[in-house]
Amino acid sequence: MALGLGVTGCSVDASTAAPESKVFPFRGTTLDVRTHEVAADLVAVDREDVKVTRWFDAAAGSEHLSWELKGGVLDIDAGCSGFAICDAKFRVEVPKGVTVLRDGRKSGLRGDG
């Protein structure tokens, strides 16, 4: 999500930002990924936990970055507010066999491989 308000000469691109990762223990059969309209790739992989990688770039504004797994809900958010320009994206690796929801709706990813 890129936001800009009259900023000239400022460019942000999450794809060029250094990635940050966090691993969450997970034992459930369904994972609901709440993305807050931030781009997120959901990928089934051979693992037992959930790994989230975040790319974030900002040139202005107050940053707000969060990622938390409670129960079967993974809440990920990255953005900025105020006079702001920023860009963010996520990659969420989930265990094979887990049903994955995106913002409470079926995602089409079952995690079968």
C-alpha atoms as a PDB file:
ATOM      1  CA  MET A   1       0.000   0.000   0.000  1.00  0.00           C
ATOM      2  CA  ALA A   2       1.584   3.263  -1.031  1.00  0.00           C
ATOM      3  CA  LEU A   3       0.301   6.522   0.347  1.00  0.00           C
ATOM      4  CA  GLY A   4       1.403   9.935  -0.787  1.00  0.00           C
ATOM      5  CA  LEU A   5       0.224  13.454  -0.165  1.00  0.00           C
ATOM      6  CA  GLY A   6       1.956  16.007  -2.346  1.00  0.00           C
ATOM      7  CA  VAL A   7       5.450  14.762  -1.660  1.00  0.00           C
ATOM      8  CA  THR A   8       7.750  15.569  -4.552  1.00  0.00           C
ATOM      9  CA  GLY A   9      10.950  13.671  -5.129  1.00  0.00           C
ATOM     10  CA  CYS A  10      10.193  11.017  -2.486  1.00  0.00           C
ATOM     11  CA  SER A  11       9.946   7.470  -3.704  1.00  0.00           C
ATOM     12  CA  VAL A  12       9.397   4.338  -1.676  1.00  0.00           C
ATOM     13  CA  ASP A  13       9.446   0.714  -2.775  1.00  0.00           C
ATOM     14  CA  ALA A  14       8.961  -2.154  -0.348  1.00  0.00           C
ATOM     15  CA  SER A  15      10.598  -4.576  -2.780  1.00  0.00           C
ATOM     16  CA  THR A  16      13.956  -2.836  -2.231  1.00  0.00           C
ATOM     17  CA  ALA A  17      13.636  -2.719   1.585  1.00  0.00           C
ATOM     18  CA  ALA A  18      15.538  -5.104   3.849  1.00  0.00           C
ATOM     19  CA  PRO A  19      13.233  -7.950   4.903  1.00  0.00           C
ATOM     20  CA  GLU A  20      12.347  -8.617   8.541  1.00  0.00           C
ATOM     21  CA  SER A  21      11.018 -12.019   9.620  1.00  0.00           C
ATOM     22  CA  LYS A  22       9.219 -13.419  12.630  1.00  0.00           C
ATOM     23  CA  VAL A  23       8.233 -17.025  13.366  1.00  0.00           C
ATOM     24  CA  PHE A  24       5.096 -17.890  15.342  1.00  0.00           C
ATOM     25  CA  PRO A  25       4.347 -21.286  16.912  1.00  0.00           C
ATOM     26  CA  PHE A  26       1.091 -22.694  15.456  1.00  0.00           C
ATOM     27  CA  ARG A  27      -0.902 -25.830  16.271  1.00  0.00           C
ATOM     28  CA  GLY A  28      -4.288 -25.132  14.641  1.00  0.00           C
ATOM     29  CA  THR A  29      -6.001 -26.344  11.470  1.00  0.00           C
ATOM     30  CA  THR A  30      -7.298 -22.952  10.277  1.00  0.00           C
ATOM     31  CA  LEU A  31      -5.405 -19.660  10.114  1.00  0.00           C
ATOM     32  CA  ASP A  32      -7.157 -16.334   9.469  1.00  0.00           C
ATOM     33  CA  VAL A  33      -4.657 -13.800   8.111  1.00  0.00           C
ATOM     34  CA  ARG A  34      -5.843 -10.218   8.744  1.00  0.00           C
ATOM     35  CA  THR A  35      -3.941  -7.979   6.310  1.00  0.00           C
ATOM     36  CA  HIS A  36      -5.503  -4.515   6.714  1.00  0.00           C
ATOM     37  CA  GLU A  37      -5.360  -4.169   2.914  1.00  0.00           C
ATOM     38  CA  VAL A  38      -1.564  -4.561   2.821  1.00  0.00           C
ATOM     39  CA  ALA A  39      -0.248  -6.809   0.030  1.00  0.00           C
ATOM     40  CA  ALA A  40       0.387 -10.315   1.382  1.00  0.00           C
ATOM     41  CA  ASP A  41       1.427 -13.505  -0.382  1.00  0.00           C
ATOM     42  CA  LEU A  42       0.120 -16.628   1.369  1.00  0.00           C
ATOM     43  CA  VAL A  43       2.281 -19.679   0.687  1.00  0.00           C
ATOM     44  CA  ALA A  44       1.973 -23.322   1.832  1.00  0.00           C
ATOM     45  CA  VAL A  45       5.330 -24.793   2.813  1.00  0.00           C
ATOM     46  CA  ASP A  46       6.693 -27.804   4.667  1.00  0.00           C
ATOM     47  CA  ARG A  47       6.936 -26.356   8.189  1.00  0.00           C
ATOM     48  CA  GLU A  48       5.115 -26.653  11.538  1.00  0.00           C
ATOM     49  CA  ASP A  49       5.043 -22.963  12.448  1.00  0.00           C
ATOM     50  CA  VAL A  50       4.034 -19.755  10.659  1.00  0.00           C
ATOM     51  CA  LYS A  51       6.759 -17.509   9.261  1.00  0.00           C
ATOM     52  CA  VAL A  52       6.004 -13.918   8.333  1.00  0.00           C
ATOM     53  CA  THR A  53       8.405 -11.791   6.305  1.00  0.00           C
ATOM     54  CA  ARG A  54       7.786  -8.063   6.024  1.00  0.00           C
ATOM     55  CA  TRP A  55       9.261  -5.508   3.626  1.00  0.00           C
ATOM     56  CA  PHE A  56       8.609  -1.876   4.569  1.00  0.00           C
ATOM     57  CA  ASP A  57       9.875   1.412   3.190  1.00  0.00           C
ATOM     58  CA  ALA A  58       8.820   4.899   4.309  1.00  0.00           C
ATOM     59  CA  ALA A  59       9.914   8.390   3.413  1.00  0.00           C
ATOM     60  CA  ALA A  60       7.558  10.379   5.640  1.00  0.00           C
ATOM     61  CA  GLY A  61       4.838   9.975   8.241  1.00  0.00           C
ATOM     62  CA  SER A  62       4.369   8.123  11.485  1.00  0.00           C
ATOM     63  CA  GLU A  63       5.056   4.413  10.972  1.00  0.00           C
ATOM     64  CA  HIS A  64       2.833   1.717  12.440  1.00  0.00           C
ATOM     65  CA  LEU A  65       4.141  -1.830  12.187  1.00  0.00           C
ATOM     66  CA  SER A  66       2.550  -4.834  13.873  1.00  0.00           C
ATOM     67  CA  TRP A  67       2.387  -8.598  13.616  1.00  0.00           C
ATOM     68  CA  GLU A  68       0.741 -10.860  16.152  1.00  0.00           C
ATOM     69  CA  LEU A  69      -0.692 -14.377  16.217  1.00  0.00           C
ATOM     70  CA  LYS A  70      -3.420 -15.016  18.798  1.00  0.00           C
ATOM     71  CA  GLY A  71      -5.389 -18.209  18.605  1.00  0.00           C
ATOM     72  CA  GLY A  72      -6.058 -18.812  14.922  1.00  0.00           C
ATOM     73  CA  VAL A  73      -5.786 -15.147  13.870  1.00  0.00           C
ATOM     74  CA  LEU A  74      -2.578 -13.683  12.426  1.00  0.00           C
ATOM     75  CA  ASP A  75      -2.873  -9.899  12.420  1.00  0.00           C
ATOM     76  CA  ILE A  76      -0.284  -8.177  10.221  1.00  0.00           C
ATOM     77  CA  ASP A  77      -0.164  -4.472   9.433  1.00  0.00           C
ATOM     78  CA  ALA A  78       2.366  -1.990   8.102  1.00  0.00           C
ATOM     79  CA  GLY A  79       1.756   1.571   7.075  1.00  0.00           C
ATOM     80  CA  CYS A  80       2.125   5.179   7.991  1.00  0.00           C
ATOM     81  CA  SER A  81      -0.142   8.080   8.821  1.00  0.00           C
ATOM     82  CA  GLY A  82      -0.086  11.844   8.754  1.00  0.00           C
ATOM     83  CA  PHE A  83       1.803  13.529   5.919  1.00  0.00           C
ATOM     84  CA  ALA A  84       2.867  10.103   4.731  1.00  0.00           C
ATOM     85  CA  ILE A  85       4.417   8.059   1.986  1.00  0.00           C
ATOM     86  CA  CYS A  86       5.216   4.395   2.524  1.00  0.00           C
ATOM     87  CA  ASP A  87       5.024   0.971   0.922  1.00  0.00           C
ATOM     88  CA  ALA A  88       4.722  -2.469   2.495  1.00  0.00           C
ATOM     89  CA  LYS A  89       4.305  -6.116   1.592  1.00  0.00           C
ATOM     90  CA  PHE A  90       4.252  -9.429   3.451  1.00  0.00           C
ATOM     91  CA  ARG A  91       4.903 -13.096   2.745  1.00  0.00           C
ATOM     92  CA  VAL A  92       3.182 -15.538   5.071  1.00  0.00           C
ATOM     93  CA  GLU A  93       4.408 -19.137   5.040  1.00  0.00           C
ATOM     94  CA  VAL A  94       1.879 -21.562   6.521  1.00  0.00           C
ATOM     95  CA  PRO A  95       2.123 -25.287   7.230  1.00  0.00           C
ATOM     96  CA  LYS A  96       0.836 -27.630   4.550  1.00  0.00           C
ATOM     97  CA  GLY A  97      -2.658 -28.899   5.358  1.00  0.00           C
ATOM     98  CA  VAL A  98      -3.789 -25.710   7.127  1.00  0.00           C
ATOM     99  CA  THR A  99      -6.928 -23.984   5.830  1.00  0.00           C
ATOM    100  CA  VAL A 100      -6.071 -20.316   5.281  1.00  0.00           C
ATOM    101  CA  LEU A 101      -8.548 -17.453   5.415  1.00  0.00           C
ATOM    102  CA  ARG A 102      -7.742 -13.910   4.302  1.00  0.00           C
ATOM    103  CA  ASP A 103      -9.603 -11.323   6.364  1.00  0.00           C
ATOM    104  CA  GLY A 104     -12.165 -13.931   7.405  1.00  0.00           C
ATOM    105  CA  ARG A 105     -12.897 -15.191   3.869  1.00  0.00           C
ATOM    106  CA  LYS A 106     -11.681 -18.302   2.062  1.00  0.00           C
ATOM    107  CA  SER A 107      -8.369 -17.589   0.376  1.00  0.00           C
ATOM    108  CA  GLY A 108      -8.240 -20.520  -2.003  1.00  0.00           C
ATOM    109  CA  LEU A 109      -5.030 -21.681  -0.280  1.00  0.00           C
ATOM    110  CA  ARG A 110      -5.512 -24.979   1.485  1.00  0.00           C
ATOM    111  CA  GLY A 111      -1.857 -25.636   2.047  1.00  0.00           C
ATOM    112  CA  ASP A 112      -1.815 -28.932   0.172  1.00  0.00           C
ATOM    113  CA  GLY A 113       1.511 -28.221  -1.413  1.00  0.00           C
END
